[in-house]
Amino acid sequence: MFRRTFWFTAGAAAGVWATTKVNRKLKQLTPESLAAQAANKAVETGHRLKDFALDVRAGMLQREAELGEALGLDAPVDQGTALDRELPEPRRRPTLGTTPYKTTHSIPTIPYNRNEDH
């Protein structure tokens, strides 16, 4: 009698456990859940790329300082002067249909006769 009760209880517990596992997996596979997982992965990847870029930038600045010391270029670069320079005037492009120079010749127009093709 106890043996049957034990196996009945074990089977019921296994059924409940399997049902909850399947329901959890089904909830993970819904479109909303998949979209949230993809967004989380994208944000995580973005943070990793940002950290990588910052590490590369720090290494680049360190190596640049090392090269500057090795070459005797210890004078700091003044960033303000590069930004204070004025930009050159933009080029003026002619509008369509106008030429920036005078033409002295004209192109003769040849009338097209459709009957000549046949």
PDB file of N, CA and C in Angstrom:
ATOM      1  N   MET A   1       0.822  -1.183   0.000  1.00  0.00           N
ATOM      2  CA  MET A   1       0.000   0.000   0.000  1.00  0.00           C
ATOM      3  C   MET A   1       0.874   1.259   0.000  1.00  0.00           C
ATOM      4  N   PHE A   2       1.914   1.262   0.856  1.00  0.00           N
ATOM      5  CA  PHE A   2       2.795   2.428   0.890  1.00  0.00           C
ATOM      6  C   PHE A   2       3.573   2.572  -0.404  1.00  0.00           C
ATOM      7  N   ARG A   3       3.876   1.450  -1.009  1.00  0.00           N
ATOM      8  CA  ARG A   3       4.622   1.484  -2.261  1.00  0.00           C
ATOM      9  C   ARG A   3       3.817   2.200  -3.354  1.00  0.00           C
ATOM     10  N   ARG A   4       2.539   1.881  -3.470  1.00  0.00           N
ATOM     11  CA  ARG A   4       1.692   2.531  -4.470  1.00  0.00           C
ATOM     12  C   ARG A   4       1.541   4.017  -4.179  1.00  0.00           C
ATOM     13  N   THR A   5       1.385   4.388  -2.932  1.00  0.00           N
ATOM     14  CA  THR A   5       1.247   5.794  -2.552  1.00  0.00           C
ATOM     15  C   THR A   5       2.537   6.561  -2.887  1.00  0.00           C
ATOM     16  N   PHE A   6       3.698   5.927  -2.606  1.00  0.00           N
ATOM     17  CA  PHE A   6       4.977   6.562  -2.906  1.00  0.00           C
ATOM     18  C   PHE A   6       5.114   6.828  -4.396  1.00  0.00           C
ATOM     19  N   TRP A   7       4.839   5.834  -5.216  1.00  0.00           N
ATOM     20  CA  TRP A   7       4.998   6.004  -6.661  1.00  0.00           C
ATOM     21  C   TRP A   7       3.954   6.957  -7.236  1.00  0.00           C
ATOM     22  N   PHE A   8       2.758   6.961  -6.682  1.00  0.00           N
ATOM     23  CA  PHE A   8       1.749   7.914  -7.126  1.00  0.00           C
ATOM     24  C   PHE A   8       2.212   9.348  -6.821  1.00  0.00           C
ATOM     25  N   THR A   9       2.733   9.563  -5.603  1.00  0.00           N
ATOM     26  CA  THR A   9       3.212  10.884  -5.204  1.00  0.00           C
ATOM     27  C   THR A   9       4.427  11.296  -6.044  1.00  0.00           C
ATOM     28  N   ALA A  10       5.335  10.364  -6.293  1.00  0.00           N
ATOM     29  CA  ALA A  10       6.512  10.663  -7.110  1.00  0.00           C
ATOM     30  C   ALA A  10       6.084  11.018  -8.531  1.00  0.00           C
ATOM     31  N   GLY A  11       5.154  10.328  -9.087  1.00  0.00           N
ATOM     32  CA  GLY A  11       4.658  10.622 -10.435  1.00  0.00           C
ATOM     33  C   GLY A  11       3.975  11.970 -10.506  1.00  0.00           C
ATOM     34  N   ALA A  12       3.154  12.274  -9.489  1.00  0.00           N
ATOM     35  CA  ALA A  12       2.482  13.571  -9.461  1.00  0.00           C
ATOM     36  C   ALA A  12       3.513  14.704  -9.349  1.00  0.00           C
ATOM     37  N   ALA A  13       4.522  14.526  -8.501  1.00  0.00           N
ATOM     38  CA  ALA A  13       5.565  15.545  -8.341  1.00  0.00           C
ATOM     39  C   ALA A  13       6.344  15.723  -9.644  1.00  0.00           C
ATOM     40  N   ALA A  14       6.668  14.631 -10.326  1.00  0.00           N
ATOM     41  CA  ALA A  14       7.381  14.711 -11.596  1.00  0.00           C
ATOM     42  C   ALA A  14       6.518  15.415 -12.641  1.00  0.00           C
ATOM     43  N   GLY A  15       5.234  15.173 -12.646  1.00  0.00           N
ATOM     44  CA  GLY A  15       4.324  15.834 -13.580  1.00  0.00           C
ATOM     45  C   GLY A  15       4.246  17.332 -13.326  1.00  0.00           C
ATOM     46  N   VAL A  16       4.161  17.720 -12.064  1.00  0.00           N
ATOM     47  CA  VAL A  16       4.106  19.139 -11.725  1.00  0.00           C
ATOM     48  C   VAL A  16       5.428  19.809 -12.114  1.00  0.00           C
ATOM     49  N   TRP A  17       6.548  19.159 -11.806  1.00  0.00           N
ATOM     50  CA  TRP A  17       7.866  19.715 -12.141  1.00  0.00           C
ATOM     51  C   TRP A  17       8.010  19.897 -13.653  1.00  0.00           C
ATOM     52  N   ALA A  18       7.625  18.853 -14.426  1.00  0.00           N
ATOM     53  CA  ALA A  18       7.734  18.919 -15.886  1.00  0.00           C
ATOM     54  C   ALA A  18       6.815  20.003 -16.448  1.00  0.00           C
ATOM     55  N   THR A  19       5.624  20.131 -15.908  1.00  0.00           N
ATOM     56  CA  THR A  19       4.676  21.141 -16.379  1.00  0.00           C
ATOM     57  C   THR A  19       5.220  22.551 -16.144  1.00  0.00           C
ATOM     58  N   THR A  20       5.785  22.793 -14.975  1.00  0.00           N
ATOM     59  CA  THR A  20       6.324  24.127 -14.706  1.00  0.00           C
ATOM     60  C   THR A  20       7.522  24.431 -15.603  1.00  0.00           C
ATOM     61  N   LYS A  21       8.375  23.425 -15.851  1.00  0.00           N
ATOM     62  CA  LYS A  21       9.516  23.631 -16.740  1.00  0.00           C
ATOM     63  C   LYS A  21       9.042  23.985 -18.157  1.00  0.00           C
ATOM     64  N   VAL A  22       8.065  23.256 -18.659  1.00  0.00           N
ATOM     65  CA  VAL A  22       7.547  23.501 -20.009  1.00  0.00           C
ATOM     66  C   VAL A  22       6.905  24.879 -20.088  1.00  0.00           C
ATOM     67  N   ASN A  23       6.127  25.249 -19.066  1.00  0.00           N
ATOM     68  CA  ASN A  23       5.480  26.571 -19.078  1.00  0.00           C
ATOM     69  C   ASN A  23       6.509  27.697 -19.045  1.00  0.00           C
ATOM     70  N   ARG A  24       7.585  27.535 -18.263  1.00  0.00           N
ATOM     71  CA  ARG A  24       8.645  28.544 -18.237  1.00  0.00           C
ATOM     72  C   ARG A  24       9.296  28.687 -19.606  1.00  0.00           C
ATOM     73  N   LYS A  25       9.564  27.553 -20.238  1.00  0.00           N
ATOM     74  CA  LYS A  25      10.206  27.577 -21.551  1.00  0.00           C
ATOM     75  C   LYS A  25       9.275  28.222 -22.583  1.00  0.00           C
ATOM     76  N   LEU A  26       7.981  27.931 -22.523  1.00  0.00           N
ATOM     77  CA  LEU A  26       7.035  28.543 -23.452  1.00  0.00           C
ATOM     78  C   LEU A  26       6.954  30.055 -23.258  1.00  0.00           C
ATOM     79  N   LYS A  27       7.028  30.518 -22.003  1.00  0.00           N
ATOM     80  CA  LYS A  27       7.011  31.957 -21.748  1.00  0.00           C
ATOM     81  C   LYS A  27       8.274  32.617 -22.283  1.00  0.00           C
ATOM     82  N   GLN A  28       9.409  31.895 -22.239  1.00  0.00           N
ATOM     83  CA  GLN A  28      10.648  32.457 -22.774  1.00  0.00           C
ATOM     84  C   GLN A  28      10.616  32.560 -24.292  1.00  0.00           C
ATOM     85  N   LEU A  29       9.797  31.765 -24.945  1.00  0.00           N
ATOM     86  CA  LEU A  29       9.757  31.743 -26.399  1.00  0.00           C
ATOM     87  C   LEU A  29       8.648  32.602 -27.003  1.00  0.00           C
ATOM     88  N   THR A  30       7.960  33.391 -26.177  1.00  0.00           N
ATOM     89  CA  THR A  30       6.958  34.295 -26.733  1.00  0.00           C
ATOM     90  C   THR A  30       7.661  35.436 -27.469  1.00  0.00           C
ATOM     91  N   PRO A  31       7.017  36.040 -28.448  1.00  0.00           N
ATOM     92  CA  PRO A  31       7.656  37.134 -29.197  1.00  0.00           C
ATOM     93  C   PRO A  31       8.088  38.299 -28.298  1.00  0.00           C
ATOM     94  N   GLU A  32       7.284  38.647 -27.302  1.00  0.00           N
ATOM     95  CA  GLU A  32       7.645  39.754 -26.418  1.00  0.00           C
ATOM     96  C   GLU A  32       8.900  39.430 -25.625  1.00  0.00           C
ATOM     97  N   SER A  33       8.987  38.198 -25.134  1.00  0.00           N
ATOM     98  CA  SER A  33      10.150  37.793 -24.357  1.00  0.00           C
ATOM     99  C   SER A  33      11.399  37.738 -25.235  1.00  0.00           C
ATOM    100  N   LEU A  34      11.246  37.218 -26.458  1.00  0.00           N
ATOM    101  CA  LEU A  34      12.393  37.169 -27.372  1.00  0.00           C
ATOM    102  C   LEU A  34      12.873  38.568 -27.739  1.00  0.00           C
ATOM    103  N   ALA A  35      11.940  39.498 -27.925  1.00  0.00           N
ATOM    104  CA  ALA A  35      12.310  40.881 -28.240  1.00  0.00           C
ATOM    105  C   ALA A  35      13.040  41.518 -27.058  1.00  0.00           C
ATOM    106  N   ALA A  36      12.567  41.261 -25.844  1.00  0.00           N
ATOM    107  CA  ALA A  36      13.227  41.812 -24.662  1.00  0.00           C
ATOM    108  C   ALA A  36      14.629  41.229 -24.504  1.00  0.00           C
ATOM    109  N   GLN A  37      14.770  39.933 -24.763  1.00  0.00           N
ATOM    110  CA  GLN A  37      16.093  39.301 -24.669  1.00  0.00           C
ATOM    111  C   GLN A  37      17.045  39.882 -25.713  1.00  0.00           C
ATOM    112  N   ALA A  38      16.539  40.088 -26.921  1.00  0.00           N
ATOM    113  CA  ALA A  38      17.377  40.662 -27.981  1.00  0.00           C
ATOM    114  C   ALA A  38      17.792  42.089 -27.626  1.00  0.00           C
ATOM    115  N   ALA A  39      16.862  42.861 -27.070  1.00  0.00           N
ATOM    116  CA  ALA A  39      17.187  44.236 -26.677  1.00  0.00           C
ATOM    117  C   ALA A  39      18.233  44.236 -25.567  1.00  0.00           C
ATOM    118  N   ASN A  40      18.090  43.349 -24.612  1.00  0.00           N
ATOM    119  CA  ASN A  40      19.076  43.271 -23.526  1.00  0.00           C
ATOM    120  C   ASN A  40      20.454  42.894 -24.064  1.00  0.00           C
ATOM    121  N   LYS A  41      20.496  41.948 -24.989  1.00  0.00           N
ATOM    122  CA  LYS A  41      21.776  41.548 -25.581  1.00  0.00           C
ATOM    123  C   LYS A  41      22.391  42.709 -26.365  1.00  0.00           C
ATOM    124  N   ALA A  42      21.556  43.469 -27.091  1.00  0.00           N
ATOM    125  CA  ALA A  42      22.061  44.602 -27.863  1.00  0.00           C
ATOM    126  C   ALA A  42      22.637  45.669 -26.939  1.00  0.00           C
ATOM    127  N   VAL A  43      21.954  45.939 -25.839  1.00  0.00           N
ATOM    128  CA  VAL A  43      22.450  46.930 -24.879  1.00  0.00           C
ATOM    129  C   VAL A  43      23.754  46.449 -24.264  1.00  0.00           C
ATOM    130  N   GLU A  44      23.807  45.177 -23.906  1.00  0.00           N
ATOM    131  CA  GLU A  44      25.027  44.612 -23.331  1.00  0.00           C
ATOM    132  C   GLU A  44      26.187  44.682 -24.328  1.00  0.00           C
ATOM    133  N   THR A  45      25.913  44.366 -25.588  1.00  0.00           N
ATOM    134  CA  THR A  45      26.942  44.450 -26.628  1.00  0.00           C
ATOM    135  C   THR A  45      27.400  45.890 -26.824  1.00  0.00           C
ATOM    136  N   GLY A  46      26.464  46.826 -26.772  1.00  0.00           N
ATOM    137  CA  GLY A  46      26.812  48.240 -26.885  1.00  0.00           C
ATOM    138  C   GLY A  46      27.731  48.682 -25.757  1.00  0.00           C
ATOM    139  N   HIS A  47      27.446  48.231 -24.536  1.00  0.00           N
ATOM    140  CA  HIS A  47      28.309  48.575 -23.403  1.00  0.00           C
ATOM    141  C   HIS A  47      29.695  47.972 -23.568  1.00  0.00           C
ATOM    142  N   ARG A  48      29.751  46.736 -24.051  1.00  0.00           N
ATOM    143  CA  ARG A  48      31.045  46.101 -24.262  1.00  0.00           C
ATOM    144  C   ARG A  48      31.845  46.831 -25.346  1.00  0.00           C
ATOM    145  N   LEU A  49      31.176  47.237 -26.428  1.00  0.00           N
ATOM    146  CA  LEU A  49      31.863  47.980 -27.489  1.00  0.00           C
ATOM    147  C   LEU A  49      32.353  49.340 -26.990  1.00  0.00           C
ATOM    148  N   LYS A  50      31.543  49.986 -26.159  1.00  0.00           N
ATOM    149  CA  LYS A  50      31.950  51.271 -25.599  1.00  0.00           C
ATOM    150  C   LYS A  50      33.172  51.093 -24.707  1.00  0.00           C
ATOM    151  N   ASP A  51      33.161  50.068 -23.866  1.00  0.00           N
ATOM    152  CA  ASP A  51      34.315  49.802 -23.006  1.00  0.00           C
ATOM    153  C   ASP A  51      35.553  49.496 -23.841  1.00  0.00           C
ATOM    154  N   PHE A  52      35.372  48.723 -24.904  1.00  0.00           N
ATOM    155  CA  PHE A  52      36.500  48.405 -25.789  1.00  0.00           C
ATOM    156  C   PHE A  52      37.053  49.675 -26.426  1.00  0.00           C
ATOM    157  N   ALA A  53      36.170  50.543 -26.912  1.00  0.00           N
ATOM    158  CA  ALA A  53      36.606  51.781 -27.552  1.00  0.00           C
ATOM    159  C   ALA A  53      37.345  52.671 -26.552  1.00  0.00           C
ATOM    160  N   LEU A  54      36.862  52.715 -25.313  1.00  0.00           N
ATOM    161  CA  LEU A  54      37.550  53.515 -24.299  1.00  0.00           C
ATOM    162  C   LEU A  54      38.919  52.933 -23.975  1.00  0.00           C
ATOM    163  N   ASP A  55      39.015  51.602 -23.930  1.00  0.00           N
ATOM    164  CA  ASP A  55      40.315  50.965 -23.698  1.00  0.00           C
ATOM    165  C   ASP A  55      41.274  51.250 -24.843  1.00  0.00           C
ATOM    166  N   VAL A  56      40.778  51.170 -26.063  1.00  0.00           N
ATOM    167  CA  VAL A  56      41.618  51.458 -27.226  1.00  0.00           C
ATOM    168  C   VAL A  56      42.082  52.915 -27.180  1.00  0.00           C
ATOM    169  N   ARG A  57      41.180  53.821 -26.855  1.00  0.00           N
ATOM    170  CA  ARG A  57      41.525  55.243 -26.781  1.00  0.00           C
ATOM    171  C   ARG A  57      42.586  55.488 -25.710  1.00  0.00           C
ATOM    172  N   ALA A  58      42.427  54.864 -24.541  1.00  0.00           N
ATOM    173  CA  ALA A  58      43.407  55.035 -23.467  1.00  0.00           C
ATOM    174  C   ALA A  58      44.763  54.474 -23.891  1.00  0.00           C
ATOM    175  N   GLY A  59      44.768  53.303 -24.516  1.00  0.00           N
ATOM    176  CA  GLY A  59      46.019  52.720 -24.994  1.00  0.00           C
ATOM    177  C   GLY A  59      46.674  53.572 -26.068  1.00  0.00           C
ATOM    178  N   MET A  60      45.846  54.152 -26.919  1.00  0.00           N
ATOM    179  CA  MET A  60      46.368  55.008 -27.979  1.00  0.00           C
ATOM    180  C   MET A  60      47.032  56.256 -27.387  1.00  0.00           C
ATOM    181  N   LEU A  61      46.388  56.877 -26.411  1.00  0.00           N
ATOM    182  CA  LEU A  61      46.957  58.059 -25.780  1.00  0.00           C
ATOM    183  C   LEU A  61      48.243  57.718 -25.036  1.00  0.00           C
ATOM    184  N   GLN A  62      48.256  56.554 -24.385  1.00  0.00           N
ATOM    185  CA  GLN A  62      49.459  56.132 -23.673  1.00  0.00           C
ATOM    186  C   GLN A  62      50.606  55.902 -24.655  1.00  0.00           C
ATOM    187  N   ARG A  63      50.322  55.207 -25.744  1.00  0.00           N
ATOM    188  CA  ARG A  63      51.366  54.933 -26.741  1.00  0.00           C
ATOM    189  C   ARG A  63      51.827  56.227 -27.404  1.00  0.00           C
ATOM    190  N   GLU A  64      50.931  57.149 -27.641  1.00  0.00           N
ATOM    191  CA  GLU A  64      51.302  58.425 -28.227  1.00  0.00           C
ATOM    192  C   GLU A  64      52.234  59.195 -27.291  1.00  0.00           C
ATOM    193  N   ALA A  65      51.941  59.135 -25.987  1.00  0.00           N
ATOM    194  CA  ALA A  65      52.815  59.796 -25.013  1.00  0.00           C
ATOM    195  C   ALA A  65      54.191  59.134 -24.986  1.00  0.00           C
ATOM    196  N   GLU A  66      54.212  57.795 -25.057  1.00  0.00           N
ATOM    197  CA  GLU A  66      55.492  57.078 -25.086  1.00  0.00           C
ATOM    198  C   GLU A  66      56.305  57.453 -26.317  1.00  0.00           C
ATOM    199  N   LEU A  67      55.666  57.517 -27.462  1.00  0.00           N
ATOM    200  CA  LEU A  67      56.369  57.897 -28.688  1.00  0.00           C
ATOM    201  C   LEU A  67      56.842  59.342 -28.626  1.00  0.00           C
ATOM    202  N   GLY A  68      56.036  60.215 -28.038  1.00  0.00           N
ATOM    203  CA  GLY A  68      56.434  61.607 -27.892  1.00  0.00           C
ATOM    204  C   GLY A  68      57.667  61.748 -27.014  1.00  0.00           C
ATOM    205  N   GLU A  69      57.707  60.970 -25.932  1.00  0.00           N
ATOM    206  CA  GLU A  69      58.887  60.999 -25.067  1.00  0.00           C
ATOM    207  C   GLU A  69      60.100  60.437 -25.794  1.00  0.00           C
ATOM    208  N   ALA A  70      59.914  59.361 -26.541  1.00  0.00           N
ATOM    209  CA  ALA A  70      61.033  58.735 -27.242  1.00  0.00           C
ATOM    210  C   ALA A  70      61.591  59.651 -28.331  1.00  0.00           C
ATOM    211  N   LEU A  71      60.725  60.444 -28.957  1.00  0.00           N
ATOM    212  CA  LEU A  71      61.172  61.334 -30.025  1.00  0.00           C
ATOM    213  C   LEU A  71      61.530  62.728 -29.520  1.00  0.00           C
ATOM    214  N   GLY A  72      61.347  62.959 -28.235  1.00  0.00           N
ATOM    215  CA  GLY A  72      61.671  64.264 -27.661  1.00  0.00           C
ATOM    216  C   GLY A  72      60.621  65.313 -27.931  1.00  0.00           C
ATOM    217  N   LEU A  73      59.422  64.893 -28.145  1.00  0.00           N
ATOM    218  CA  LEU A  73      58.316  65.829 -28.395  1.00  0.00           C
ATOM    219  C   LEU A  73      57.483  65.954 -27.131  1.00  0.00           C
ATOM    220  N   ASP A  74      58.063  66.548 -26.097  1.00  0.00           N
ATOM    221  CA  ASP A  74      57.384  66.617 -24.813  1.00  0.00           C
ATOM    222  C   ASP A  74      56.433  67.791 -24.698  1.00  0.00           C
ATOM    223  N   ALA A  75      56.458  68.701 -25.662  1.00  0.00           N
ATOM    224  CA  ALA A  75      55.583  69.871 -25.594  1.00  0.00           C
ATOM    225  C   ALA A  75      54.139  69.431 -25.790  1.00  0.00           C
ATOM    226  N   PRO A  76      53.243  69.836 -24.873  1.00  0.00           N
ATOM    227  CA  PRO A  76      51.834  69.451 -25.025  1.00  0.00           C
ATOM    228  C   PRO A  76      51.193  70.170 -26.200  1.00  0.00           C
ATOM    229  N   VAL A  77      50.294  69.509 -26.830  1.00  0.00           N
ATOM    230  CA  VAL A  77      49.586  70.090 -27.965  1.00  0.00           C
ATOM    231  C   VAL A  77      48.449  70.935 -27.429  1.00  0.00           C
ATOM    232  N   ASP A  78      48.363  72.184 -27.874  1.00  0.00           N
ATOM    233  CA  ASP A  78      47.309  73.079 -27.433  1.00  0.00           C
ATOM    234  C   ASP A  78      46.076  72.818 -28.292  1.00  0.00           C
ATOM    235  N   GLN A  79      45.047  72.272 -27.673  1.00  0.00           N
ATOM    236  CA  GLN A  79      43.839  71.922 -28.418  1.00  0.00           C
ATOM    237  C   GLN A  79      43.016  73.152 -28.760  1.00  0.00           C
ATOM    238  N   GLY A  80      43.181  74.234 -28.002  1.00  0.00           N
ATOM    239  CA  GLY A  80      42.356  75.412 -28.228  1.00  0.00           C
ATOM    240  C   GLY A  80      42.650  76.109 -29.539  1.00  0.00           C
ATOM    241  N   THR A  81      43.917  76.129 -29.960  1.00  0.00           N
ATOM    242  CA  THR A  81      44.252  76.841 -31.191  1.00  0.00           C
ATOM    243  C   THR A  81      43.673  76.161 -32.411  1.00  0.00           C
ATOM    244  N   ALA A  82      43.596  74.855 -32.384  1.00  0.00           N
ATOM    245  CA  ALA A  82      43.041  74.148 -33.538  1.00  0.00           C
ATOM    246  C   ALA A  82      41.552  74.425 -33.671  1.00  0.00           C
ATOM    247  N   LEU A  83      40.891  74.638 -32.537  1.00  0.00           N
ATOM    248  CA  LEU A  83      39.456  74.878 -32.592  1.00  0.00           C
ATOM    249  C   LEU A  83      39.128  76.334 -32.892  1.00  0.00           C
ATOM    250  N   ASP A  84      40.071  77.259 -32.614  1.00  0.00           N
ATOM    251  CA  ASP A  84      39.812  78.675 -32.819  1.00  0.00           C
ATOM    252  C   ASP A  84      39.958  79.094 -34.267  1.00  0.00           C
ATOM    253  N   ARG A  85      40.581  78.271 -35.085  1.00  0.00           N
ATOM    254  CA  ARG A  85      40.751  78.637 -36.488  1.00  0.00           C
ATOM    255  C   ARG A  85      39.403  78.717 -37.171  1.00  0.00           C
ATOM    256  N   GLU A  86      39.325  79.645 -38.094  1.00  0.00           N
ATOM    257  CA  GLU A  86      38.084  79.776 -38.847  1.00  0.00           C
ATOM    258  C   GLU A  86      38.100  78.820 -40.028  1.00  0.00           C
ATOM    259  N   LEU A  87      36.941  78.362 -40.370  1.00  0.00           N
ATOM    260  CA  LEU A  87      36.811  77.482 -41.522  1.00  0.00           C
ATOM    261  C   LEU A  87      36.843  78.321 -42.793  1.00  0.00           C
ATOM    262  N   PRO A  88      37.340  77.753 -43.876  1.00  0.00           N
ATOM    263  CA  PRO A  88      37.320  78.499 -45.136  1.00  0.00           C
ATOM    264  C   PRO A  88      35.896  78.675 -45.626  1.00  0.00           C
ATOM    265  N   GLU A  89      35.731  79.653 -46.475  1.00  0.00           N
ATOM    266  CA  GLU A  89      34.416  79.906 -47.050  1.00  0.00           C
ATOM    267  C   GLU A  89      33.974  78.702 -47.888  1.00  0.00           C
ATOM    268  N   PRO A  90      32.701  78.362 -47.854  1.00  0.00           N
ATOM    269  CA  PRO A  90      32.254  77.245 -48.685  1.00  0.00           C
ATOM    270  C   PRO A  90      32.301  77.624 -50.152  1.00  0.00           C
ATOM    271  N   ARG A  91      32.524  76.645 -50.982  1.00  0.00           N
ATOM    272  CA  ARG A  91      32.551  76.883 -52.422  1.00  0.00           C
ATOM    273  C   ARG A  91      31.161  77.204 -52.915  1.00  0.00           C
ATOM    274  N   ARG A  92      31.105  78.115 -53.807  1.00  0.00           N
ATOM    275  CA  ARG A  92      29.821  78.458 -54.424  1.00  0.00           C
ATOM    276  C   ARG A  92      29.690  77.649 -55.692  1.00  0.00           C
ATOM    277  N   ARG A  93      28.705  76.820 -55.747  1.00  0.00           N
ATOM    278  CA  ARG A  93      28.483  76.011 -56.939  1.00  0.00           C
ATOM    279  C   ARG A  93      27.405  76.664 -57.784  1.00  0.00           C
ATOM    280  N   PRO A  94      27.593  76.668 -59.095  1.00  0.00           N
ATOM    281  CA  PRO A  94      26.566  77.277 -59.947  1.00  0.00           C
ATOM    282  C   PRO A  94      25.296  76.429 -59.924  1.00  0.00           C
ATOM    283  N   THR A  95      24.196  77.092 -60.124  1.00  0.00           N
ATOM    284  CA  THR A  95      22.941  76.363 -60.183  1.00  0.00           C
ATOM    285  C   THR A  95      22.837  75.640 -61.504  1.00  0.00           C
ATOM    286  N   LEU A  96      21.968  74.691 -61.569  1.00  0.00           N
ATOM    287  CA  LEU A  96      21.806  73.909 -62.797  1.00  0.00           C
ATOM    288  C   LEU A  96      21.348  74.801 -63.939  1.00  0.00           C
ATOM    289  N   GLY A  97      21.897  74.573 -65.089  1.00  0.00           N
ATOM    290  CA  GLY A  97      21.490  75.322 -66.270  1.00  0.00           C
ATOM    291  C   GLY A  97      22.327  76.553 -66.524  1.00  0.00           C
ATOM    292  N   THR A  98      23.159  76.933 -65.581  1.00  0.00           N
ATOM    293  CA  THR A  98      24.026  78.085 -65.797  1.00  0.00           C
ATOM    294  C   THR A  98      25.459  77.596 -65.875  1.00  0.00           C
ATOM    295  N   THR A  99      26.276  78.322 -66.585  1.00  0.00           N
ATOM    296  CA  THR A  99      27.684  77.974 -66.695  1.00  0.00           C
ATOM    297  C   THR A  99      28.494  79.068 -66.027  1.00  0.00           C
ATOM    298  N   PRO A 100      29.586  78.710 -65.380  1.00  0.00           N
ATOM    299  CA  PRO A 100      30.384  79.733 -64.714  1.00  0.00           C
ATOM    300  C   PRO A 100      31.239  80.525 -65.691  1.00  0.00           C
ATOM    301  N   TYR A 101      31.221  80.190 -66.974  1.00  0.00           N
ATOM    302  CA  TYR A 101      32.029  80.889 -67.964  1.00  0.00           C
ATOM    303  C   TYR A 101      31.156  81.200 -69.178  1.00  0.00           C
ATOM    304  N   LYS A 102      31.605  82.136 -69.975  1.00  0.00           N
ATOM    305  CA  LYS A 102      30.862  82.519 -71.175  1.00  0.00           C
ATOM    306  C   LYS A 102      31.197  81.574 -72.313  1.00  0.00           C
ATOM    307  N   THR A 103      30.204  81.185 -73.040  1.00  0.00           N
ATOM    308  CA  THR A 103      30.431  80.355 -74.217  1.00  0.00           C
ATOM    309  C   THR A 103      30.344  81.237 -75.451  1.00  0.00           C
ATOM    310  N   THR A 104      31.249  81.003 -76.373  1.00  0.00           N
ATOM    311  CA  THR A 104      31.256  81.813 -77.597  1.00  0.00           C
ATOM    312  C   THR A 104      30.750  81.032 -78.796  1.00  0.00           C
ATOM    313  N   HIS A 105      30.519  79.789 -78.622  1.00  0.00           N
ATOM    314  CA  HIS A 105      30.039  78.988 -79.741  1.00  0.00           C
ATOM    315  C   HIS A 105      28.687  78.386 -79.386  1.00  0.00           C
ATOM    316  N   SER A 106      27.963  78.018 -80.396  1.00  0.00           N
ATOM    317  CA  SER A 106      26.676  77.375 -80.154  1.00  0.00           C
ATOM    318  C   SER A 106      26.681  76.032 -80.856  1.00  0.00           C
ATOM    319  N   ILE A 107      25.974  75.120 -80.290  1.00  0.00           N
ATOM    320  CA  ILE A 107      25.885  73.776 -80.853  1.00  0.00           C
ATOM    321  C   ILE A 107      24.714  73.770 -81.827  1.00  0.00           C
ATOM    322  N   PRO A 108      24.983  73.406 -83.082  1.00  0.00           N
ATOM    323  CA  PRO A 108      23.860  73.392 -84.034  1.00  0.00           C
ATOM    324  C   PRO A 108      22.923  72.242 -83.721  1.00  0.00           C
ATOM    325  N   THR A 109      21.668  72.499 -83.846  1.00  0.00           N
ATOM    326  CA  THR A 109      20.677  71.459 -83.610  1.00  0.00           C
ATOM    327  C   THR A 109      20.295  70.835 -84.936  1.00  0.00           C
ATOM    328  N   ILE A 110      20.278  69.524 -84.963  1.00  0.00           N
ATOM    329  CA  ILE A 110      19.916  68.786 -86.169  1.00  0.00           C
ATOM    330  C   ILE A 110      18.519  68.228 -85.942  1.00  0.00           C
ATOM    331  N   PRO A 111      17.601  68.579 -86.806  1.00  0.00           N
ATOM    332  CA  PRO A 111      16.246  68.056 -86.599  1.00  0.00           C
ATOM    333  C   PRO A 111      16.218  66.543 -86.803  1.00  0.00           C
ATOM    334  N   TYR A 112      15.417  65.886 -86.051  1.00  0.00           N
ATOM    335  CA  TYR A 112      15.307  64.440 -86.128  1.00  0.00           C
ATOM    336  C   TYR A 112      14.086  64.093 -86.956  1.00  0.00           C
ATOM    337  N   ASN A 113      14.308  63.309 -87.985  1.00  0.00           N
ATOM    338  CA  ASN A 113      13.228  62.883 -88.849  1.00  0.00           C
ATOM    339  C   ASN A 113      12.991  61.409 -88.609  1.00  0.00           C
ATOM    340  N   ARG A 114      11.836  61.081 -88.086  1.00  0.00           N
ATOM    341  CA  ARG A 114      11.527  59.687 -87.774  1.00  0.00           C
ATOM    342  C   ARG A 114      11.402  58.830 -89.021  1.00  0.00           C
ATOM    343  N   ASN A 115      11.083  59.424 -90.149  1.00  0.00           N
ATOM    344  CA  ASN A 115      10.894  58.651 -91.371  1.00  0.00           C
ATOM    345  C   ASN A 115      12.212  58.146 -91.944  1.00  0.00           C
ATOM    346  N   GLU A 116      13.334  58.705 -91.539  1.00  0.00           N
ATOM    347  CA  GLU A 116      14.614  58.261 -92.076  1.00  0.00           C
ATOM    348  C   GLU A 116      15.022  56.913 -91.533  1.00  0.00           C
ATOM    349  N   ASP A 117      14.470  56.482 -90.447  1.00  0.00           N
ATOM    350  CA  ASP A 117      14.850  55.201 -89.848  1.00  0.00           C
ATOM    351  C   ASP A 117      14.258  54.018 -90.599  1.00  0.00           C
ATOM    352  N   HIS A 118      13.251  54.218 -91.396  1.00  0.00           N
ATOM    353  CA  HIS A 118      12.550  53.086 -92.001  1.00  0.00           C
ATOM    354  C   HIS A 118      12.990  52.831 -93.401  1.00  0.00           C
TER     355      HIS A 118
END
